[in-house]
C-alpha cells in the first residue's frame, strides 16, 4: 500500500526544482481538510512576500467554513491583492503536489482573476 504524503511530497519536489531553475517568484498552496493556505515566495526562496489563508480573521468573518471552494476563491483574491501590493504580478504556480482540482483550482482561478499571471 502506498502512502499519500510521501507521494505528494515527491511530486512537490519535482515541481519546486523546475520552478527553481526558472528563477521565478512562486505562489505555493497548501491544503488541509479545514483550511487552505497560499504564500508568494521570493525567487531565491528566502522570503515570504505575501500570504493569505482561511485561518485569517478577515476571511473567517466572510466565510465560516474554510474547507470549501468558495473559501479557496476568497483566499485566491486576497493573495492576488497582497502580491500586487508587494509589487509581484507574475508568479509560477506551485500546487505542492496536490491535484489541480477543486479547492486548489478555485484558488488559482481566483488569483488569475485578481490580476496574477501564471
N, C-alpha and C. Protein backbone atom coordinates (compact mmCIF):
# COMPACT_ATOMS: atom_id res chain seq x y z
N UNK A 1 0.84 -1.18 0.00
CA UNK A 1 0.00 0.00 0.00
C UNK A 1 0.89 1.24 0.00
N UNK A 2 0.56 2.19 -0.86
CA UNK A 2 1.36 3.42 -0.92
C UNK A 2 0.80 4.46 0.04
N UNK A 3 1.68 5.30 0.51
CA UNK A 3 1.27 6.38 1.40
C UNK A 3 1.05 7.63 0.57
N UNK A 4 0.03 8.39 0.93
CA UNK A 4 -0.30 9.60 0.17
C UNK A 4 0.74 10.71 0.35
N UNK A 5 1.15 10.95 1.59
CA UNK A 5 2.02 12.09 1.85
C UNK A 5 3.38 11.99 1.17
N UNK A 6 4.10 10.86 1.24
CA UNK A 6 5.39 10.79 0.53
C UNK A 6 5.23 10.95 -0.99
N UNK A 7 4.15 10.44 -1.54
CA UNK A 7 3.91 10.60 -2.97
C UNK A 7 3.68 12.07 -3.32
N UNK A 8 2.90 12.76 -2.49
CA UNK A 8 2.64 14.18 -2.73
C UNK A 8 3.92 14.98 -2.60
N UNK A 9 4.74 14.68 -1.60
CA UNK A 9 5.99 15.42 -1.40
C UNK A 9 6.97 15.17 -2.53
N UNK A 10 6.97 13.97 -3.10
CA UNK A 10 7.82 13.67 -4.26
C UNK A 10 7.39 14.51 -5.45
N UNK A 11 6.07 14.58 -5.69
CA UNK A 11 5.57 15.42 -6.79
C UNK A 11 5.90 16.89 -6.55
N UNK A 12 5.78 17.34 -5.31
CA UNK A 12 6.07 18.73 -4.97
C UNK A 12 7.54 19.05 -5.21
N UNK A 13 8.43 18.13 -4.87
CA UNK A 13 9.86 18.37 -5.03
C UNK A 13 10.22 18.53 -6.50
N UNK A 14 9.61 17.74 -7.37
CA UNK A 14 9.88 17.87 -8.80
C UNK A 14 9.42 19.23 -9.33
N UNK A 15 8.24 19.67 -8.89
CA UNK A 15 7.72 20.96 -9.33
C UNK A 15 8.61 22.10 -8.82
N UNK A 16 9.01 22.03 -7.56
CA UNK A 16 9.83 23.09 -6.99
C UNK A 16 11.21 23.16 -7.63
N UNK A 17 11.75 22.02 -8.05
CA UNK A 17 13.04 22.02 -8.75
C UNK A 17 12.91 22.73 -10.09
N UNK A 18 11.82 22.49 -10.79
CA UNK A 18 11.59 23.14 -12.08
C UNK A 18 11.43 24.66 -11.89
N UNK A 19 10.68 25.06 -10.88
CA UNK A 19 10.47 26.48 -10.61
C UNK A 19 11.78 27.15 -10.20
N UNK A 20 12.61 26.43 -9.44
CA UNK A 20 13.90 26.97 -9.01
C UNK A 20 14.80 27.25 -10.21
N UNK A 21 14.78 26.33 -11.20
CA UNK A 21 15.57 26.53 -12.42
C UNK A 21 15.08 27.74 -13.20
N UNK A 22 13.79 28.02 -13.15
CA UNK A 22 13.22 29.18 -13.84
C UNK A 22 13.52 30.49 -13.13
N UNK A 23 13.94 30.39 -11.86
CA UNK A 23 14.20 31.56 -11.01
C UNK A 23 12.99 32.49 -10.98
N UNK A 24 11.84 31.91 -10.74
CA UNK A 24 10.58 32.66 -10.73
C UNK A 24 10.04 32.78 -9.31
N UNK A 25 9.32 33.86 -9.08
CA UNK A 25 8.58 34.01 -7.83
C UNK A 25 7.46 32.97 -7.88
N UNK A 26 7.20 32.29 -6.76
CA UNK A 26 6.19 31.24 -6.83
C UNK A 26 5.04 31.48 -5.87
N UNK A 27 3.87 31.06 -6.31
CA UNK A 27 2.68 31.06 -5.49
C UNK A 27 2.46 29.63 -5.05
N UNK A 28 2.69 29.35 -3.78
CA UNK A 28 2.57 27.98 -3.29
C UNK A 28 1.29 27.83 -2.47
N UNK A 29 0.68 26.66 -2.58
CA UNK A 29 -0.60 26.38 -1.95
C UNK A 29 -0.46 25.17 -1.04
N UNK A 30 -1.06 25.23 0.12
CA UNK A 30 -1.14 24.06 1.00
C UNK A 30 -2.60 23.89 1.40
N UNK A 31 -3.06 22.65 1.35
CA UNK A 31 -4.47 22.35 1.60
C UNK A 31 -4.57 21.35 2.74
N UNK A 32 -5.47 21.65 3.69
CA UNK A 32 -5.83 20.68 4.72
C UNK A 32 -7.34 20.48 4.63
N UNK A 33 -7.87 19.62 5.47
CA UNK A 33 -9.31 19.39 5.42
C UNK A 33 -10.11 20.63 5.80
N UNK A 34 -9.59 21.42 6.72
CA UNK A 34 -10.35 22.56 7.22
C UNK A 34 -9.93 23.90 6.63
N UNK A 35 -8.71 24.01 6.11
CA UNK A 35 -8.20 25.31 5.65
C UNK A 35 -7.41 25.16 4.36
N UNK A 36 -7.17 26.30 3.71
CA UNK A 36 -6.26 26.36 2.57
C UNK A 36 -5.38 27.59 2.77
N UNK A 37 -4.11 27.41 2.47
CA UNK A 37 -3.11 28.45 2.70
C UNK A 37 -2.40 28.77 1.38
N UNK A 38 -2.06 30.03 1.17
CA UNK A 38 -1.32 30.43 -0.03
C UNK A 38 -0.22 31.40 0.38
N UNK A 39 0.95 31.25 -0.26
CA UNK A 39 2.07 32.14 0.01
C UNK A 39 2.74 32.50 -1.31
N UNK A 40 3.18 33.74 -1.42
CA UNK A 40 4.02 34.16 -2.54
C UNK A 40 5.44 34.21 -2.00
N UNK A 41 6.32 33.36 -2.58
CA UNK A 41 7.67 33.20 -2.09
C UNK A 41 8.64 33.81 -3.10
N UNK A 42 9.65 34.53 -2.62
CA UNK A 42 10.65 35.16 -3.47
C UNK A 42 11.36 34.11 -4.32
N UNK A 43 11.98 34.54 -5.41
CA UNK A 43 12.62 33.62 -6.35
C UNK A 43 13.72 32.80 -5.69
N UNK A 44 14.44 33.37 -4.74
CA UNK A 44 15.50 32.61 -4.07
C UNK A 44 14.96 31.74 -2.93
N UNK A 45 13.68 31.86 -2.62
CA UNK A 45 13.06 31.04 -1.59
C UNK A 45 13.33 31.50 -0.18
N UNK A 46 13.98 32.64 -0.02
CA UNK A 46 14.39 33.09 1.30
C UNK A 46 13.36 33.96 2.01
N UNK A 47 12.39 34.50 1.27
CA UNK A 47 11.48 35.46 1.88
C UNK A 47 10.05 35.23 1.40
N UNK A 48 9.10 35.36 2.33
CA UNK A 48 7.68 35.30 2.00
C UNK A 48 7.24 36.73 1.69
N UNK A 49 6.77 36.95 0.47
CA UNK A 49 6.36 38.30 0.05
C UNK A 49 4.91 38.60 0.43
N UNK A 50 4.05 37.58 0.41
CA UNK A 50 2.64 37.76 0.77
C UNK A 50 2.08 36.41 1.19
N UNK A 51 1.05 36.46 2.04
CA UNK A 51 0.40 35.22 2.44
C UNK A 51 -1.07 35.48 2.72
N UNK A 52 -1.87 34.44 2.55
CA UNK A 52 -3.30 34.51 2.85
C UNK A 52 -3.78 33.10 3.17
N UNK A 53 -4.79 33.01 4.02
CA UNK A 53 -5.35 31.70 4.35
C UNK A 53 -6.76 31.85 4.88
N UNK A 54 -7.44 30.73 4.96
CA UNK A 54 -8.79 30.73 5.52
C UNK A 54 -8.76 30.81 7.04
N UNK A 55 -7.59 30.72 7.64
CA UNK A 55 -7.47 30.84 9.09
C UNK A 55 -7.41 32.30 9.54
N UNK A 56 -7.29 33.24 8.59
CA UNK A 56 -7.24 34.66 8.94
C UNK A 56 -8.60 35.14 9.44
N UNK A 57 -8.56 36.07 10.35
CA UNK A 57 -9.78 36.57 10.97
C UNK A 57 -10.72 37.21 9.94
N UNK A 58 -10.17 37.99 8.99
CA UNK A 58 -10.99 38.67 7.99
C UNK A 58 -11.69 37.67 7.06
N UNK A 59 -11.01 36.59 6.75
CA UNK A 59 -11.60 35.57 5.87
C UNK A 59 -12.68 34.80 6.62
N UNK A 60 -12.42 34.45 7.87
CA UNK A 60 -13.41 33.72 8.67
C UNK A 60 -14.67 34.54 8.90
N UNK A 61 -14.54 35.88 8.91
CA UNK A 61 -15.71 36.72 9.07
C UNK A 61 -16.62 36.64 7.85
N UNK A 62 -16.03 36.44 6.67
CA UNK A 62 -16.81 36.36 5.43
C UNK A 62 -17.26 34.94 5.13
N UNK A 63 -16.43 33.96 5.47
CA UNK A 63 -16.70 32.56 5.14
C UNK A 63 -16.39 31.71 6.36
N UNK A 64 -17.43 31.19 6.99
CA UNK A 64 -17.24 30.43 8.23
C UNK A 64 -16.49 29.12 8.00
N UNK A 65 -16.82 28.42 6.91
CA UNK A 65 -16.20 27.13 6.61
C UNK A 65 -15.01 27.36 5.68
N UNK A 66 -13.81 27.03 6.13
CA UNK A 66 -12.61 27.23 5.32
C UNK A 66 -12.29 26.08 4.40
N UNK A 67 -13.07 25.01 4.43
CA UNK A 67 -12.76 23.82 3.66
C UNK A 67 -13.60 23.66 2.42
N UNK A 68 -14.00 24.77 1.76
CA UNK A 68 -14.79 24.64 0.54
C UNK A 68 -14.23 25.54 -0.56
N UNK A 69 -14.77 25.40 -1.77
CA UNK A 69 -14.25 26.14 -2.92
C UNK A 69 -14.49 27.64 -2.81
N UNK A 70 -15.58 28.05 -2.20
CA UNK A 70 -15.86 29.48 -2.04
C UNK A 70 -14.79 30.14 -1.18
N UNK A 71 -14.40 29.47 -0.10
CA UNK A 71 -13.35 30.00 0.77
C UNK A 71 -12.01 30.03 0.04
N UNK A 72 -11.74 29.01 -0.76
CA UNK A 72 -10.49 28.97 -1.53
C UNK A 72 -10.45 30.12 -2.54
N UNK A 73 -11.57 30.41 -3.17
CA UNK A 73 -11.63 31.52 -4.12
C UNK A 73 -11.39 32.85 -3.40
N UNK A 74 -11.91 32.98 -2.21
CA UNK A 74 -11.69 34.19 -1.42
C UNK A 74 -10.21 34.37 -1.09
N UNK A 75 -9.54 33.28 -0.74
CA UNK A 75 -8.11 33.32 -0.45
C UNK A 75 -7.33 33.67 -1.72
N UNK A 76 -7.76 33.15 -2.88
CA UNK A 76 -7.11 33.47 -4.15
C UNK A 76 -7.17 34.96 -4.46
N UNK A 77 -8.32 35.56 -4.21
CA UNK A 77 -8.46 37.01 -4.43
C UNK A 77 -7.57 37.79 -3.48
N UNK A 78 -7.54 37.38 -2.21
CA UNK A 78 -6.73 38.08 -1.21
C UNK A 78 -5.24 37.97 -1.52
N UNK A 79 -4.78 36.79 -1.94
CA UNK A 79 -3.35 36.62 -2.23
C UNK A 79 -2.97 37.45 -3.45
N UNK A 80 -3.87 37.58 -4.42
CA UNK A 80 -3.59 38.41 -5.59
C UNK A 80 -3.45 39.87 -5.19
N UNK A 81 -4.34 40.34 -4.33
CA UNK A 81 -4.28 41.72 -3.86
C UNK A 81 -2.98 41.98 -3.10
N UNK A 82 -2.63 41.07 -2.20
CA UNK A 82 -1.43 41.25 -1.38
C UNK A 82 -0.16 41.15 -2.23
N UNK A 83 -0.17 40.28 -3.23
CA UNK A 83 1.00 40.15 -4.11
C UNK A 83 1.19 41.41 -4.94
N UNK A 84 0.09 41.94 -5.46
CA UNK A 84 0.19 43.18 -6.25
C UNK A 84 0.67 44.34 -5.38
N UNK A 85 0.24 44.37 -4.13
CA UNK A 85 0.70 45.40 -3.20
C UNK A 85 2.19 45.26 -2.93
N UNK A 86 2.71 44.03 -2.99
CA UNK A 86 4.15 43.79 -2.79
C UNK A 86 4.94 43.97 -4.08
N UNK A 87 4.25 44.29 -5.18
CA UNK A 87 4.93 44.54 -6.45
C UNK A 87 5.12 43.31 -7.31
N UNK A 88 4.39 42.24 -7.03
CA UNK A 88 4.52 41.00 -7.80
C UNK A 88 3.30 40.86 -8.70
N UNK A 89 3.55 40.66 -10.01
CA UNK A 89 2.44 40.46 -10.94
C UNK A 89 2.51 39.12 -11.65
N UNK A 90 3.69 38.52 -11.71
CA UNK A 90 3.86 37.25 -12.40
C UNK A 90 4.47 36.23 -11.46
N UNK A 91 3.83 35.06 -11.38
CA UNK A 91 4.29 34.00 -10.47
C UNK A 91 4.25 32.66 -11.19
N UNK A 92 4.96 31.70 -10.61
CA UNK A 92 4.86 30.31 -11.04
C UNK A 92 3.98 29.61 -10.00
N UNK A 93 3.00 28.84 -10.45
CA UNK A 93 2.06 28.21 -9.53
C UNK A 93 2.61 26.90 -9.02
N UNK A 94 2.78 26.81 -7.71
CA UNK A 94 3.29 25.60 -7.05
C UNK A 94 2.13 25.00 -6.26
N UNK A 95 1.57 23.92 -6.78
CA UNK A 95 0.42 23.30 -6.12
C UNK A 95 0.84 22.31 -5.06
N UNK A 96 2.13 22.20 -4.79
CA UNK A 96 2.70 21.38 -3.70
C UNK A 96 2.30 19.91 -3.80
N UNK A 97 2.18 19.40 -5.00
CA UNK A 97 1.86 18.01 -5.20
C UNK A 97 0.38 17.69 -5.12
N UNK A 98 -0.44 18.67 -4.79
CA UNK A 98 -1.89 18.47 -4.74
C UNK A 98 -2.44 18.47 -6.15
N UNK A 99 -3.52 17.74 -6.36
CA UNK A 99 -4.16 17.68 -7.66
C UNK A 99 -4.76 19.04 -8.01
N UNK A 100 -4.62 19.44 -9.28
CA UNK A 100 -5.20 20.71 -9.73
C UNK A 100 -6.68 20.48 -9.97
N UNK A 101 -7.44 20.52 -8.89
CA UNK A 101 -8.85 20.17 -8.92
C UNK A 101 -9.49 20.74 -7.66
N UNK A 102 -10.74 21.08 -7.71
CA UNK A 102 -11.47 21.51 -6.53
C UNK A 102 -10.95 22.80 -5.94
N UNK A 103 -10.55 22.76 -4.67
CA UNK A 103 -10.14 23.98 -3.96
C UNK A 103 -8.86 24.58 -4.51
N UNK A 104 -7.91 23.75 -4.92
CA UNK A 104 -6.65 24.26 -5.48
C UNK A 104 -6.93 25.00 -6.78
N UNK A 105 -7.78 24.42 -7.62
CA UNK A 105 -8.15 25.05 -8.88
C UNK A 105 -8.93 26.35 -8.64
N UNK A 106 -9.84 26.36 -7.68
CA UNK A 106 -10.61 27.56 -7.36
C UNK A 106 -9.70 28.69 -6.90
N UNK A 107 -8.71 28.37 -6.08
CA UNK A 107 -7.76 29.38 -5.62
C UNK A 107 -6.96 29.94 -6.79
N UNK A 108 -6.48 29.07 -7.66
CA UNK A 108 -5.67 29.51 -8.81
C UNK A 108 -6.48 30.40 -9.75
N UNK A 109 -7.70 30.02 -10.05
CA UNK A 109 -8.53 30.81 -10.95
C UNK A 109 -8.86 32.17 -10.35
N UNK A 110 -9.14 32.21 -9.05
CA UNK A 110 -9.43 33.48 -8.39
C UNK A 110 -8.19 34.38 -8.37
N UNK A 111 -7.02 33.80 -8.21
CA UNK A 111 -5.78 34.60 -8.24
C UNK A 111 -5.56 35.18 -9.62
N UNK A 112 -5.84 34.39 -10.65
CA UNK A 112 -5.74 34.90 -12.03
C UNK A 112 -6.71 36.05 -12.26
N UNK A 113 -7.95 35.89 -11.81
CA UNK A 113 -8.93 36.95 -11.95
C UNK A 113 -8.51 38.19 -11.17
N UNK A 114 -7.79 37.99 -10.06
CA UNK A 114 -7.32 39.10 -9.24
C UNK A 114 -6.14 39.85 -9.86
N UNK A 115 -5.57 39.32 -10.94
CA UNK A 115 -4.51 40.04 -11.64
C UNK A 115 -3.17 39.37 -11.67
N UNK A 116 -3.02 38.19 -11.06
CA UNK A 116 -1.73 37.49 -11.13
C UNK A 116 -1.63 36.72 -12.44
N UNK A 117 -0.45 36.73 -13.03
CA UNK A 117 -0.19 35.95 -14.25
C UNK A 117 0.62 34.72 -13.88
N UNK A 118 0.20 33.56 -14.39
CA UNK A 118 0.91 32.31 -14.12
C UNK A 118 1.72 31.96 -15.35
